[in-house]
Every structure is written in C-alpha cells, then in structure tokens.
Full PDB file with SEQRES, HELIX, SHEET, SSBOND, CRYST1, ORIGX, SCALE, CONECT and MASTER records, all heavy atoms in Angstrom:
SEQRES   1 A   44  ALA LEU ALA GLU LEU ASN GLU LEU ASP GLY LEU VAL VAL          
SEQRES   2 A   44  LEU ASN LYS ALA ASP LEU ALA ALA GLY ALA PRO ASP GLY          
SEQRES   3 A   44  PRO THR ALA LEU PRO SER GLU PHE GLU PRO TYR ARG ALA          
SEQRES   4 A   44  ALA GLY TYR GLU ILE                                          
HELIX    1 AA1 LEU A    2  LEU A    5  1                                   4    
HELIX    2 AA2 ALA A   17  LEU A   19  5                                   3    
HELIX    3 AA3 ALA A   23  ASP A   25  5                                   3    
HELIX    4 AA4 SER A   32  PHE A   34  5                                   3    
HELIX    5 AA5 GLU A   35  ALA A   39  1                                   5    
CRYST1    1.000    1.000    1.000  90.00  90.00  90.00 P 1           1          
ORIGX1      1.000000  0.000000  0.000000        0.00000                         
ORIGX2      0.000000  1.000000  0.000000        0.00000                         
ORIGX3      0.000000  0.000000  1.000000        0.00000                         
SCALE1      1.000000  0.000000  0.000000        0.00000                         
SCALE2      0.000000  1.000000  0.000000        0.00000                         
SCALE3      0.000000  0.000000  1.000000        0.00000                         
ATOM      1  N   ALA A   1       9.821  44.635 -84.446  1.00  0.00           N  
ATOM      2  CA  ALA A   1       9.935  43.352 -85.142  1.00  0.00           C  
ATOM      3  C   ALA A   1       8.580  42.923 -85.694  1.00  0.00           C  
ATOM      4  O   ALA A   1       8.478  42.407 -86.823  1.00  0.00           O  
ATOM      5  CB  ALA A   1      10.485  42.287 -84.193  1.00  0.00           C  
ATOM      6  N   LEU A   2       7.528  43.143 -84.912  1.00  0.00           N  
ATOM      7  CA  LEU A   2       6.183  42.808 -85.360  1.00  0.00           C  
ATOM      8  C   LEU A   2       5.808  43.617 -86.597  1.00  0.00           C  
ATOM      9  O   LEU A   2       5.213  43.092 -87.546  1.00  0.00           O  
ATOM     10  CB  LEU A   2       5.193  43.072 -84.229  1.00  0.00           C  
ATOM     11  CG  LEU A   2       3.737  42.674 -84.459  1.00  0.00           C  
ATOM     12  CD1 LEU A   2       3.628  41.193 -84.740  1.00  0.00           C  
ATOM     13  CD2 LEU A   2       2.891  43.042 -83.248  1.00  0.00           C  
ATOM     14  N   ALA A   3       6.160  44.898 -86.601  1.00  0.00           N  
ATOM     15  CA  ALA A   3       5.898  45.727 -87.777  1.00  0.00           C  
ATOM     16  C   ALA A   3       6.650  45.198 -88.996  1.00  0.00           C  
ATOM     17  O   ALA A   3       6.088  45.077 -90.090  1.00  0.00           O  
ATOM     18  CB  ALA A   3       6.297  47.179 -87.491  1.00  0.00           C  
ATOM     19  N   GLU A   4       7.907  44.867 -88.812  1.00  0.00           N  
ATOM     20  CA  GLU A   4       8.712  44.364 -89.928  1.00  0.00           C  
ATOM     21  C   GLU A   4       8.167  43.041 -90.465  1.00  0.00           C  
ATOM     22  O   GLU A   4       8.100  42.835 -91.679  1.00  0.00           O  
ATOM     23  CB  GLU A   4      10.165  44.177 -89.485  1.00  0.00           C  
ATOM     24  CG  GLU A   4      10.884  45.450 -89.077  1.00  0.00           C  
ATOM     25  CD  GLU A   4      11.283  46.316 -90.251  1.00  0.00           C  
ATOM     26  OE1 GLU A   4      11.224  45.841 -91.407  1.00  0.00           O  
ATOM     27  OE2 GLU A   4      11.662  47.480 -90.021  1.00  0.00           O  
ATOM     28  N   LEU A   5       7.777  42.151 -89.581  1.00  0.00           N  
ATOM     29  CA  LEU A   5       7.260  40.847 -90.008  1.00  0.00           C  
ATOM     30  C   LEU A   5       5.966  40.989 -90.801  1.00  0.00           C  
ATOM     31  O   LEU A   5       5.657  40.156 -91.651  1.00  0.00           O  
ATOM     32  CB  LEU A   5       7.028  39.955 -88.783  1.00  0.00           C  
ATOM     33  CG  LEU A   5       8.293  39.421 -88.104  1.00  0.00           C  
ATOM     34  CD1 LEU A   5       7.960  38.863 -86.726  1.00  0.00           C  
ATOM     35  CD2 LEU A   5       8.974  38.362 -88.968  1.00  0.00           C  
ATOM     36  N   ASN A   6       5.210  42.044 -90.518  1.00  0.00           N  
ATOM     37  CA  ASN A   6       3.960  42.294 -91.236  1.00  0.00           C  
ATOM     38  C   ASN A   6       4.135  43.301 -92.369  1.00  0.00           C  
ATOM     39  O   ASN A   6       3.144  43.777 -92.937  1.00  0.00           O  
ATOM     40  CB  ASN A   6       2.888  42.785 -90.263  1.00  0.00           C  
ATOM     41  CG  ASN A   6       2.343  41.680 -89.383  1.00  0.00           C  
ATOM     42  OD1 ASN A   6       1.463  40.922 -89.784  1.00  0.00           O  
ATOM     43  ND2 ASN A   6       2.895  41.541 -88.179  1.00  0.00           N  
ATOM     44  N   GLU A   7       5.394  43.632 -92.681  1.00  0.00           N  
ATOM     45  CA  GLU A   7       5.726  44.565 -93.761  1.00  0.00           C  
ATOM     46  C   GLU A   7       5.050  45.913 -93.569  1.00  0.00           C  
ATOM     47  O   GLU A   7       4.530  46.527 -94.500  1.00  0.00           O  
ATOM     48  CB  GLU A   7       5.364  43.967 -95.122  1.00  0.00           C  
ATOM     49  CG  GLU A   7       6.119  42.666 -95.423  1.00  0.00           C  
ATOM     50  CD  GLU A   7       5.787  42.093 -96.787  1.00  0.00           C  
ATOM     51  OE1 GLU A   7       4.819  42.571 -97.415  1.00  0.00           O  
ATOM     52  OE2 GLU A   7       6.492  41.171 -97.223  1.00  0.00           O  
ATOM     53  N   LEU A   8       5.049  46.370 -92.309  1.00  0.00           N  
ATOM     54  CA  LEU A   8       4.500  47.675 -91.961  1.00  0.00           C  
ATOM     55  C   LEU A   8       5.638  48.632 -91.636  1.00  0.00           C  
ATOM     56  O   LEU A   8       6.688  48.220 -91.147  1.00  0.00           O  
ATOM     57  CB  LEU A   8       3.577  47.557 -90.746  1.00  0.00           C  
ATOM     58  CG  LEU A   8       2.446  46.543 -90.833  1.00  0.00           C  
ATOM     59  CD1 LEU A   8       1.717  46.443 -89.506  1.00  0.00           C  
ATOM     60  CD2 LEU A   8       1.476  46.905 -91.950  1.00  0.00           C  
ATOM     61  N   ASP A   9       5.414  49.907 -91.877  1.00  0.00           N  
ATOM     62  CA  ASP A   9       6.401  50.918 -91.499  1.00  0.00           C  
ATOM     63  C   ASP A   9       6.426  51.056 -89.978  1.00  0.00           C  
ATOM     64  O   ASP A   9       5.391  50.964 -89.316  1.00  0.00           O  
ATOM     65  CB  ASP A   9       6.061  52.264 -92.135  1.00  0.00           C  
ATOM     66  CG  ASP A   9       6.257  52.268 -93.636  1.00  0.00           C  
ATOM     67  OD1 ASP A   9       7.029  51.423 -94.131  1.00  0.00           O  
ATOM     68  OD2 ASP A   9       5.621  53.087 -94.320  1.00  0.00           O  
ATOM     69  N   GLY A  10       7.602  51.281 -89.437  1.00  0.00           N  
ATOM     70  CA  GLY A  10       7.747  51.500 -88.010  1.00  0.00           C  
ATOM     71  C   GLY A  10       8.272  52.899 -87.726  1.00  0.00           C  
ATOM     72  O   GLY A  10       9.228  53.354 -88.364  1.00  0.00           O  
ATOM     73  N   LEU A  11       7.627  53.597 -86.816  1.00  0.00           N  
ATOM     74  CA  LEU A  11       8.042  54.925 -86.399  1.00  0.00           C  
ATOM     75  C   LEU A  11       8.203  54.908 -84.888  1.00  0.00           C  
ATOM     76  O   LEU A  11       7.324  54.407 -84.180  1.00  0.00           O  
ATOM     77  CB  LEU A  11       6.985  55.961 -86.810  1.00  0.00           C  
ATOM     78  CG  LEU A  11       7.166  57.394 -86.312  1.00  0.00           C  
ATOM     79  CD1 LEU A  11       8.415  58.016 -86.916  1.00  0.00           C  
ATOM     80  CD2 LEU A  11       5.931  58.232 -86.653  1.00  0.00           C  
ATOM     81  N   VAL A  12       9.314  55.440 -84.398  1.00  0.00           N  
ATOM     82  CA  VAL A  12       9.567  55.487 -82.957  1.00  0.00           C  
ATOM     83  C   VAL A  12       9.295  56.900 -82.456  1.00  0.00           C  
ATOM     84  O   VAL A  12       9.839  57.874 -82.991  1.00  0.00           O  
ATOM     85  CB  VAL A  12      11.017  55.091 -82.627  1.00  0.00           C  
ATOM     86  CG1 VAL A  12      11.277  55.191 -81.121  1.00  0.00           C  
ATOM     87  CG2 VAL A  12      11.303  53.664 -83.112  1.00  0.00           C  
ATOM     88  N   VAL A  13       8.437  57.010 -81.458  1.00  0.00           N  
ATOM     89  CA  VAL A  13       8.125  58.302 -80.840  1.00  0.00           C  
ATOM     90  C   VAL A  13       8.603  58.258 -79.393  1.00  0.00           C  
ATOM     91  O   VAL A  13       8.179  57.395 -78.620  1.00  0.00           O  
ATOM     92  CB  VAL A  13       6.618  58.609 -80.899  1.00  0.00           C  
ATOM     93  CG1 VAL A  13       6.294  59.856 -80.073  1.00  0.00           C  
ATOM     94  CG2 VAL A  13       6.176  58.803 -82.338  1.00  0.00           C  
ATOM     95  N   LEU A  14       9.494  59.166 -79.054  1.00  0.00           N  
ATOM     96  CA  LEU A  14      10.015  59.274 -77.698  1.00  0.00           C  
ATOM     97  C   LEU A  14       9.302  60.445 -77.037  1.00  0.00           C  
ATOM     98  O   LEU A  14       9.600  61.611 -77.315  1.00  0.00           O  
ATOM     99  CB  LEU A  14      11.530  59.478 -77.729  1.00  0.00           C  
ATOM    100  CG  LEU A  14      12.262  59.502 -76.385  1.00  0.00           C  
ATOM    101  CD1 LEU A  14      11.944  58.258 -75.574  1.00  0.00           C  
ATOM    102  CD2 LEU A  14      13.759  59.614 -76.611  1.00  0.00           C  
ATOM    103  N   ASN A  15       8.364  60.132 -76.177  1.00  0.00           N  
ATOM    104  CA  ASN A  15       7.464  61.135 -75.606  1.00  0.00           C  
ATOM    105  C   ASN A  15       7.938  61.588 -74.220  1.00  0.00           C  
ATOM    106  O   ASN A  15       8.900  61.077 -73.668  1.00  0.00           O  
ATOM    107  CB  ASN A  15       6.045  60.556 -75.532  1.00  0.00           C  
ATOM    108  CG  ASN A  15       4.992  61.603 -75.287  1.00  0.00           C  
ATOM    109  OD1 ASN A  15       5.114  62.750 -75.718  1.00  0.00           O  
ATOM    110  ND2 ASN A  15       3.955  61.236 -74.568  1.00  0.00           N  
ATOM    111  N   LYS A  16       7.234  62.562 -73.675  1.00  0.00           N  
ATOM    112  CA  LYS A  16       7.512  63.144 -72.364  1.00  0.00           C  
ATOM    113  C   LYS A  16       8.880  63.830 -72.327  1.00  0.00           C  
ATOM    114  O   LYS A  16       9.615  63.746 -71.338  1.00  0.00           O  
ATOM    115  CB  LYS A  16       7.410  62.097 -71.252  1.00  0.00           C  
ATOM    116  CG  LYS A  16       6.009  61.516 -71.098  1.00  0.00           C  
ATOM    117  CD  LYS A  16       5.883  60.672 -69.839  1.00  0.00           C  
ATOM    118  CE  LYS A  16       4.469  60.161 -69.659  1.00  0.00           C  
ATOM    119  NZ  LYS A  16       4.298  59.374 -68.412  1.00  0.00           N  
ATOM    120  N   ALA A  17       9.212  64.529 -73.411  1.00  0.00           N  
ATOM    121  CA  ALA A  17      10.483  65.253 -73.453  1.00  0.00           C  
ATOM    122  C   ALA A  17      10.555  66.325 -72.383  1.00  0.00           C  
ATOM    123  O   ALA A  17      11.656  66.771 -72.023  1.00  0.00           O  
ATOM    124  CB  ALA A  17      10.680  65.878 -74.840  1.00  0.00           C  
ATOM    125  N   ASP A  18       9.405  66.746 -71.867  1.00  0.00           N  
ATOM    126  CA  ASP A  18       9.407  67.751 -70.807  1.00  0.00           C  
ATOM    127  C   ASP A  18      10.027  67.226 -69.519  1.00  0.00           C  
ATOM    128  O   ASP A  18      10.368  68.012 -68.625  1.00  0.00           O  
ATOM    129  CB  ASP A  18       7.979  68.212 -70.521  1.00  0.00           C  
ATOM    130  CG  ASP A  18       7.027  67.054 -70.310  1.00  0.00           C  
ATOM    131  OD1 ASP A  18       6.665  66.406 -71.307  1.00  0.00           O  
ATOM    132  OD2 ASP A  18       6.649  66.790 -69.147  1.00  0.00           O  
ATOM    133  N   LEU A  19      10.200  65.902 -69.404  1.00  0.00           N  
ATOM    134  CA  LEU A  19      10.805  65.320 -68.213  1.00  0.00           C  
ATOM    135  C   LEU A  19      12.309  65.119 -68.351  1.00  0.00           C  
ATOM    136  O   LEU A  19      12.969  64.685 -67.408  1.00  0.00           O  
ATOM    137  CB  LEU A  19      10.154  63.965 -67.888  1.00  0.00           C  
ATOM    138  CG  LEU A  19       8.651  63.999 -67.605  1.00  0.00           C  
ATOM    139  CD1 LEU A  19       8.156  62.610 -67.263  1.00  0.00           C  
ATOM    140  CD2 LEU A  19       8.342  64.972 -66.474  1.00  0.00           C  
ATOM    141  N   ALA A  20      12.853  65.431 -69.531  1.00  0.00           N  
ATOM    142  CA  ALA A  20      14.292  65.269 -69.738  1.00  0.00           C  
ATOM    143  C   ALA A  20      15.060  66.380 -69.043  1.00  0.00           C  
ATOM    144  O   ALA A  20      14.562  67.491 -68.848  1.00  0.00           O  
ATOM    145  CB  ALA A  20      14.615  65.275 -71.230  1.00  0.00           C  
ATOM    146  N   ALA A  21      16.288  66.070 -68.664  1.00  0.00           N  
ATOM    147  CA  ALA A  21      17.139  67.076 -68.017  1.00  0.00           C  
ATOM    148  C   ALA A  21      17.344  68.263 -68.947  1.00  0.00           C  
ATOM    149  O   ALA A  21      17.694  68.097 -70.115  1.00  0.00           O  
ATOM    150  CB  ALA A  21      18.476  66.456 -67.647  1.00  0.00           C  
ATOM    151  N   GLY A  22      17.103  69.464 -68.441  1.00  0.00           N  
ATOM    152  CA  GLY A  22      17.294  70.669 -69.243  1.00  0.00           C  
ATOM    153  C   GLY A  22      16.190  70.935 -70.241  1.00  0.00           C  
ATOM    154  O   GLY A  22      16.297  71.843 -71.057  1.00  0.00           O  
ATOM    155  N   ALA A  23      15.113  70.146 -70.197  1.00  0.00           N  
ATOM    156  CA  ALA A  23      14.042  70.279 -71.182  1.00  0.00           C  
ATOM    157  C   ALA A  23      13.442  71.685 -71.266  1.00  0.00           C  
ATOM    158  O   ALA A  23      13.161  72.148 -72.365  1.00  0.00           O  
ATOM    159  CB  ALA A  23      12.942  69.259 -70.889  1.00  0.00           C  
ATOM    160  N   PRO A  24      13.236  72.397 -70.153  1.00  0.00           N  
ATOM    161  CA  PRO A  24      12.613  73.724 -70.276  1.00  0.00           C  
ATOM    162  C   PRO A  24      13.452  74.726 -71.058  1.00  0.00           C  
ATOM    163  O   PRO A  24      12.936  75.742 -71.518  1.00  0.00           O  
ATOM    164  CB  PRO A  24      12.462  74.164 -68.811  1.00  0.00           C  
ATOM    165  CG  PRO A  24      12.459  72.897 -68.021  1.00  0.00           C  
ATOM    166  CD  PRO A  24      13.428  72.005 -68.751  1.00  0.00           C  
ATOM    167  N   ASP A  25      14.752  74.464 -71.205  1.00  0.00           N  
ATOM    168  CA  ASP A  25      15.636  75.442 -71.828  1.00  0.00           C  
ATOM    169  C   ASP A  25      15.766  75.299 -73.335  1.00  0.00           C  
ATOM    170  O   ASP A  25      16.351  76.155 -73.995  1.00  0.00           O  
ATOM    171  CB  ASP A  25      17.031  75.356 -71.198  1.00  0.00           C  
ATOM    172  CG  ASP A  25      16.980  75.634 -69.705  1.00  0.00           C  
ATOM    173  OD1 ASP A  25      16.185  76.504 -69.298  1.00  0.00           O  
ATOM    174  OD2 ASP A  25      17.715  74.964 -68.976  1.00  0.00           O  
ATOM    175  N   GLY A  26      15.277  74.194 -73.905  1.00  0.00           N  
ATOM    176  CA  GLY A  26      15.436  74.040 -75.340  1.00  0.00           C  
ATOM    177  C   GLY A  26      15.127  72.634 -75.806  1.00  0.00           C  
ATOM    178  O   GLY A  26      14.599  71.822 -75.050  1.00  0.00           O  
ATOM    179  N   PRO A  27      15.472  72.332 -77.060  1.00  0.00           N  
ATOM    180  CA  PRO A  27      15.185  71.016 -77.627  1.00  0.00           C  
ATOM    181  C   PRO A  27      15.872  69.903 -76.838  1.00  0.00           C  
ATOM    182  O   PRO A  27      16.929  70.098 -76.238  1.00  0.00           O  
ATOM    183  CB  PRO A  27      15.749  71.110 -79.050  1.00  0.00           C  
ATOM    184  CG  PRO A  27      15.831  72.572 -79.337  1.00  0.00           C  
ATOM    185  CD  PRO A  27      16.128  73.226 -78.019  1.00  0.00           C  
ATOM    186  N   THR A  28      15.267  68.734 -76.859  1.00  0.00           N  
ATOM    187  CA  THR A  28      15.815  67.583 -76.155  1.00  0.00           C  
ATOM    188  C   THR A  28      16.647  66.735 -77.104  1.00  0.00           C  
ATOM    189  O   THR A  28      16.180  66.375 -78.189  1.00  0.00           O  
ATOM    190  CB  THR A  28      14.673  66.731 -75.571  1.00  0.00           C  
ATOM    191  OG1 THR A  28      13.896  67.546 -74.695  1.00  0.00           O  
ATOM    192  CG2 THR A  28      15.215  65.535 -74.810  1.00  0.00           C  
ATOM    193  N   ALA A  29      17.860  66.424 -76.705  1.00  0.00           N  
ATOM    194  CA  ALA A  29      18.720  65.580 -77.521  1.00  0.00           C  
ATOM    195  C   ALA A  29      18.276  64.122 -77.399  1.00  0.00           C  
ATOM    196  O   ALA A  29      17.706  63.712 -76.390  1.00  0.00           O  
ATOM    197  CB  ALA A  29      20.175  65.722 -77.074  1.00  0.00           C  
ATOM    198  N   LEU A  30      18.545  63.349 -78.444  1.00  0.00           N  
ATOM    199  CA  LEU A  30      18.185  61.940 -78.427  1.00  0.00           C  
ATOM    200  C   LEU A  30      19.064  61.202 -77.428  1.00  0.00           C  
ATOM    201  O   LEU A  30      20.286  61.240 -77.520  1.00  0.00           O  
ATOM    202  CB  LEU A  30      18.365  61.332 -79.818  1.00  0.00           C  
ATOM    203  CG  LEU A  30      17.985  59.850 -79.955  1.00  0.00           C  
ATOM    204  CD1 LEU A  30      16.481  59.688 -79.802  1.00  0.00           C  
ATOM    205  CD2 LEU A  30      18.448  59.305 -81.300  1.00  0.00           C  
ATOM    206  N   PRO A  31      18.463  60.505 -76.448  1.00  0.00           N  
ATOM    207  CA  PRO A  31      19.265  59.723 -75.507  1.00  0.00           C  
ATOM    208  C   PRO A  31      20.090  58.679 -76.251  1.00  0.00           C  
ATOM    209  O   PRO A  31      19.639  58.095 -77.244  1.00  0.00           O  
ATOM    210  CB  PRO A  31      18.214  59.067 -74.602  1.00  0.00           C  
ATOM    211  CG  PRO A  31      17.022  59.963 -74.697  1.00  0.00           C  
ATOM    212  CD  PRO A  31      17.025  60.475 -76.103  1.00  0.00           C  
ATOM    213  N   SER A  32      21.297  58.434 -75.769  1.00  0.00           N  
ATOM    214  CA  SER A  32      22.208  57.523 -76.462  1.00  0.00           C  
ATOM    215  C   SER A  32      21.637  56.122 -76.609  1.00  0.00           C  
ATOM    216  O   SER A  32      21.949  55.415 -77.569  1.00  0.00           O  
ATOM    217  CB  SER A  32      23.538  57.463 -75.712  1.00  0.00           C  
ATOM    218  OG  SER A  32      23.353  57.007 -74.371  1.00  0.00           O  
ATOM    219  N   GLU A  33      20.762  55.707 -75.678  1.00  0.00           N  
ATOM    220  CA  GLU A  33      20.192  54.362 -75.753  1.00  0.00           C  
ATOM    221  C   GLU A  33      19.325  54.166 -76.992  1.00  0.00           C  
ATOM    222  O   GLU A  33      19.053  53.024 -77.403  1.00  0.00           O  
ATOM    223  CB  GLU A  33      19.333  54.060 -74.518  1.00  0.00           C  
ATOM    224  CG  GLU A  33      20.055  54.241 -73.193  1.00  0.00           C  
ATOM    225  CD  GLU A  33      19.768  55.611 -72.598  1.00  0.00           C  
ATOM    226  OE1 GLU A  33      19.993  56.613 -73.301  1.00  0.00           O  
ATOM    227  OE2 GLU A  33      19.302  55.654 -71.443  1.00  0.00           O  
ATOM    228  N   PHE A  34      18.886  55.279 -77.607  1.00  0.00           N  
ATOM    229  CA  PHE A  34      18.030  55.175 -78.786  1.00  0.00           C  
ATOM    230  C   PHE A  34      18.815  55.275 -80.094  1.00  0.00           C  
ATOM    231  O   PHE A  34      18.223  55.119 -81.163  1.00  0.00           O  
ATOM    232  CB  PHE A  34      16.939  56.248 -78.741  1.00  0.00           C  
ATOM    233  CG  PHE A  34      15.805  55.897 -77.821  1.00  0.00           C  
ATOM    234  CD1 PHE A  34      15.905  56.158 -76.462  1.00  0.00           C  
ATOM    235  CD2 PHE A  34      14.665  55.295 -78.297  1.00  0.00           C  
ATOM    236  CE1 PHE A  34      14.872  55.822 -75.596  1.00  0.00           C  
ATOM    237  CE2 PHE A  34      13.623  54.958 -77.440  1.00  0.00           C  
ATOM    238  CZ  PHE A  34      13.728  55.215 -76.084  1.00  0.00           C  
ATOM    239  N   GLU A  35      20.110  55.502 -80.012  1.00  0.00           N  
ATOM    240  CA  GLU A  35      20.912  55.593 -81.226  1.00  0.00           C  
ATOM    241  C   GLU A  35      20.866  54.324 -82.074  1.00  0.00           C  
ATOM    242  O   GLU A  35      20.884  54.393 -83.309  1.00  0.00           O  
ATOM    243  CB  GLU A  35      22.358  55.949 -80.884  1.00  0.00           C  
ATOM    244  CG  GLU A  35      22.564  57.410 -80.493  1.00  0.00           C  
ATOM    245  CD  GLU A  35      22.291  58.371 -81.642  1.00  0.00           C  
ATOM    246  OE1 GLU A  35      22.177  57.919 -82.801  1.00  0.00           O  
ATOM    247  OE2 GLU A  35      22.171  59.586 -81.365  1.00  0.00           O  
ATOM    248  N   PRO A  36      20.825  53.113 -81.467  1.00  0.00           N  
ATOM    249  CA  PRO A  36      20.733  51.903 -82.306  1.00  0.00           C  
ATOM    250  C   PRO A  36      19.530  51.884 -83.231  1.00  0.00           C  
ATOM    251  O   PRO A  36      19.591  51.320 -84.332  1.00  0.00           O  
ATOM    252  CB  PRO A  36      20.675  50.769 -81.275  1.00  0.00           C  
ATOM    253  CG  PRO A  36      21.391  51.303 -80.085  1.00  0.00           C  
ATOM    254  CD  PRO A  36      21.031  52.759 -80.049  1.00  0.00           C  
ATOM    255  N   TYR A  37      18.429  52.500 -82.825  1.00  0.00           N  
ATOM    256  CA  TYR A  37      17.244  52.516 -83.679  1.00  0.00           C  
ATOM    257  C   TYR A  37      17.458  53.449 -84.868  1.00  0.00           C  
ATOM    258  O   TYR A  37      17.050  53.130 -85.993  1.00  0.00           O  
ATOM    259  CB  TYR A  37      16.013  52.935 -82.868  1.00  0.00           C  
ATOM    260  CG  TYR A  37      15.742  52.003 -81.721  1.00  0.00           C  
ATOM    261  CD1 TYR A  37      16.107  52.353 -80.414  1.00  0.00           C  
ATOM    262  CD2 TYR A  37      15.167  50.757 -81.917  1.00  0.00           C  
ATOM    263  CE1 TYR A  37      15.892  51.488 -79.354  1.00  0.00           C  
ATOM    264  CE2 TYR A  37      14.951  49.883 -80.867  1.00  0.00           C  
ATOM    265  CZ  TYR A  37      15.324  50.256 -79.590  1.00  0.00           C  
ATOM    266  OH  TYR A  37      15.125  49.399 -78.544  1.00  0.00           O  
ATOM    267  N   ARG A  38      18.076  54.563 -84.605  1.00  0.00           N  
ATOM    268  CA  ARG A  38      18.387  55.475 -85.705  1.00  0.00           C  
ATOM    269  C   ARG A  38      19.381  54.809 -86.659  1.00  0.00           C  
ATOM    270  O   ARG A  38      19.235  54.901 -87.887  1.00  0.00           O  
ATOM    271  CB  ARG A  38      18.963  56.781 -85.150  1.00  0.00           C  
ATOM    272  CG  ARG A  38      19.376  57.774 -86.230  1.00  0.00           C  
ATOM    273  CD  ARG A  38      19.807  59.095 -85.598  1.00  0.00           C  
ATOM    274  NE  ARG A  38      18.647  59.853 -85.118  1.00  0.00           N  
ATOM    275  CZ  ARG A  38      18.750  60.959 -84.380  1.00  0.00           C  
ATOM    276  NH1 ARG A  38      19.930  61.421 -84.012  1.00  0.00           N  
ATOM    277  NH2 ARG A  38      17.655  61.597 -84.002  1.00  0.00           N  
ATOM    278  N   ALA A  39      20.381  54.116 -86.106  1.00  0.00           N  
ATOM    279  CA  ALA A  39      21.364  53.434 -86.938  1.00  0.00           C  
ATOM    280  C   ALA A  39      20.719  52.330 -87.768  1.00  0.00           C  
ATOM    281  O   ALA A  39      21.187  52.021 -88.877  1.00  0.00           O  
ATOM    282  CB  ALA A  39      22.479  52.855 -86.067  1.00  0.00           C  
ATOM    283  N   ALA A  40      19.649  51.723 -87.244  1.00  0.00           N  
ATOM    284  CA  ALA A  40      18.950  50.662 -87.975  1.00  0.00           C  
ATOM    285  C   ALA A  40      18.026  51.221 -89.056  1.00  0.00           C  
ATOM    286  O   ALA A  40      17.445  50.454 -89.826  1.00  0.00           O  
ATOM    287  CB  ALA A  40      18.146  49.804 -87.005  1.00  0.00           C  
ATOM    288  N   GLY A  41      17.886  52.543 -89.112  1.00  0.00           N  
ATOM    289  CA  GLY A  41      17.091  53.164 -90.157  1.00  0.00           C  
ATOM    290  C   GLY A  41      15.727  53.657 -89.730  1.00  0.00           C  
ATOM    291  O   GLY A  41      14.946  54.134 -90.565  1.00  0.00           O  
ATOM    292  N   TYR A  42      15.411  53.569 -88.433  1.00  0.00           N  
ATOM    293  CA  TYR A  42      14.110  54.036 -87.968  1.00  0.00           C  
ATOM    294  C   TYR A  42      14.118  55.545 -87.739  1.00  0.00           C  
ATOM    295  O   TYR A  42      15.083  56.095 -87.206  1.00  0.00           O  
ATOM    296  CB  TYR A  42      13.713  53.333 -86.669  1.00  0.00           C  
ATOM    297  CG  TYR A  42      13.400  51.870 -86.860  1.00  0.00           C  
ATOM    298  CD1 TYR A  42      14.279  50.894 -86.402  1.00  0.00           C  
ATOM    299  CD2 TYR A  42      12.241  51.472 -87.508  1.00  0.00           C  
ATOM    300  CE1 TYR A  42      14.003  49.548 -86.588  1.00  0.00           C  
ATOM    301  CE2 TYR A  42      11.961  50.130 -87.704  1.00  0.00           C  
ATOM    302  CZ  TYR A  42      12.839  49.176 -87.242  1.00  0.00           C  
ATOM    303  OH  TYR A  42      12.562  47.844 -87.431  1.00  0.00           O  
ATOM    304  N   GLU A  43      13.030  56.177 -88.128  1.00  0.00           N  
ATOM    305  CA  GLU A  43      12.866  57.593 -87.817  1.00  0.00           C  
ATOM    306  C   GLU A  43      12.412  57.710 -86.366  1.00  0.00           C  
ATOM    307  O   GLU A  43      11.537  56.956 -85.909  1.00  0.00           O  
ATOM    308  CB  GLU A  43      11.837  58.231 -88.736  1.00  0.00           C  
ATOM    309  CG  GLU A  43      11.656  59.721 -88.481  1.00  0.00           C  
ATOM    310  CD  GLU A  43      10.663  60.357 -89.418  1.00  0.00           C  
ATOM    311  OE1 GLU A  43       9.912  59.619 -90.091  1.00  0.00           O  
ATOM    312  OE2 GLU A  43      10.626  61.604 -89.460  1.00  0.00           O  
ATOM    313  N   ILE A  44      13.002  58.655 -85.635  1.00  0.00           N  
ATOM    314  CA  ILE A  44      12.665  58.862 -84.239  1.00  0.00           C  
ATOM    315  C   ILE A  44      12.204  60.306 -84.061  1.00  0.00           C  
ATOM    316  O   ILE A  44      12.918  61.241 -84.429  1.00  0.00           O  
ATOM    317  CB  ILE A  44      13.862  58.582 -83.316  1.00  0.00           C  
ATOM    318  CG1 ILE A  44      14.373  57.150 -83.520  1.00  0.00           C  
ATOM    319  CG2 ILE A  44      13.472  58.790 -81.846  1.00  0.00           C  
ATOM    320  CD1 ILE A  44      15.635  56.845 -82.748  1.00  0.00           C  
TER     321      ILE A  44                                                      
MASTER        0    0    0    5    0    0    0    6  320    1    0    4          
END                                                                             
C-alpha cells in the first residue's frame, strides 16, 4: 500500500524456498495464501 500511495512499483519476493515441503526435489509452488497478490497484479 505504501508503494502504491507513492506511485512506486511493488515486487513481492517469497524467500527461503529451501524450507518449503519438498523443496530439495524441485521448484517450489506458490503457497495459496499468496494467490491474492498475484490476482491483484503483483509479480511474485
């Protein structure tokens, strides 16, 4: 919201993917809790 109010671009970085379940075996899927940000147009 602070970025939007200042007319700045917002980028969401979800870090520590190595701690996700199954992370050593391949790419990490986006947790469902972050889907609203993608739906709002933010790159994750």
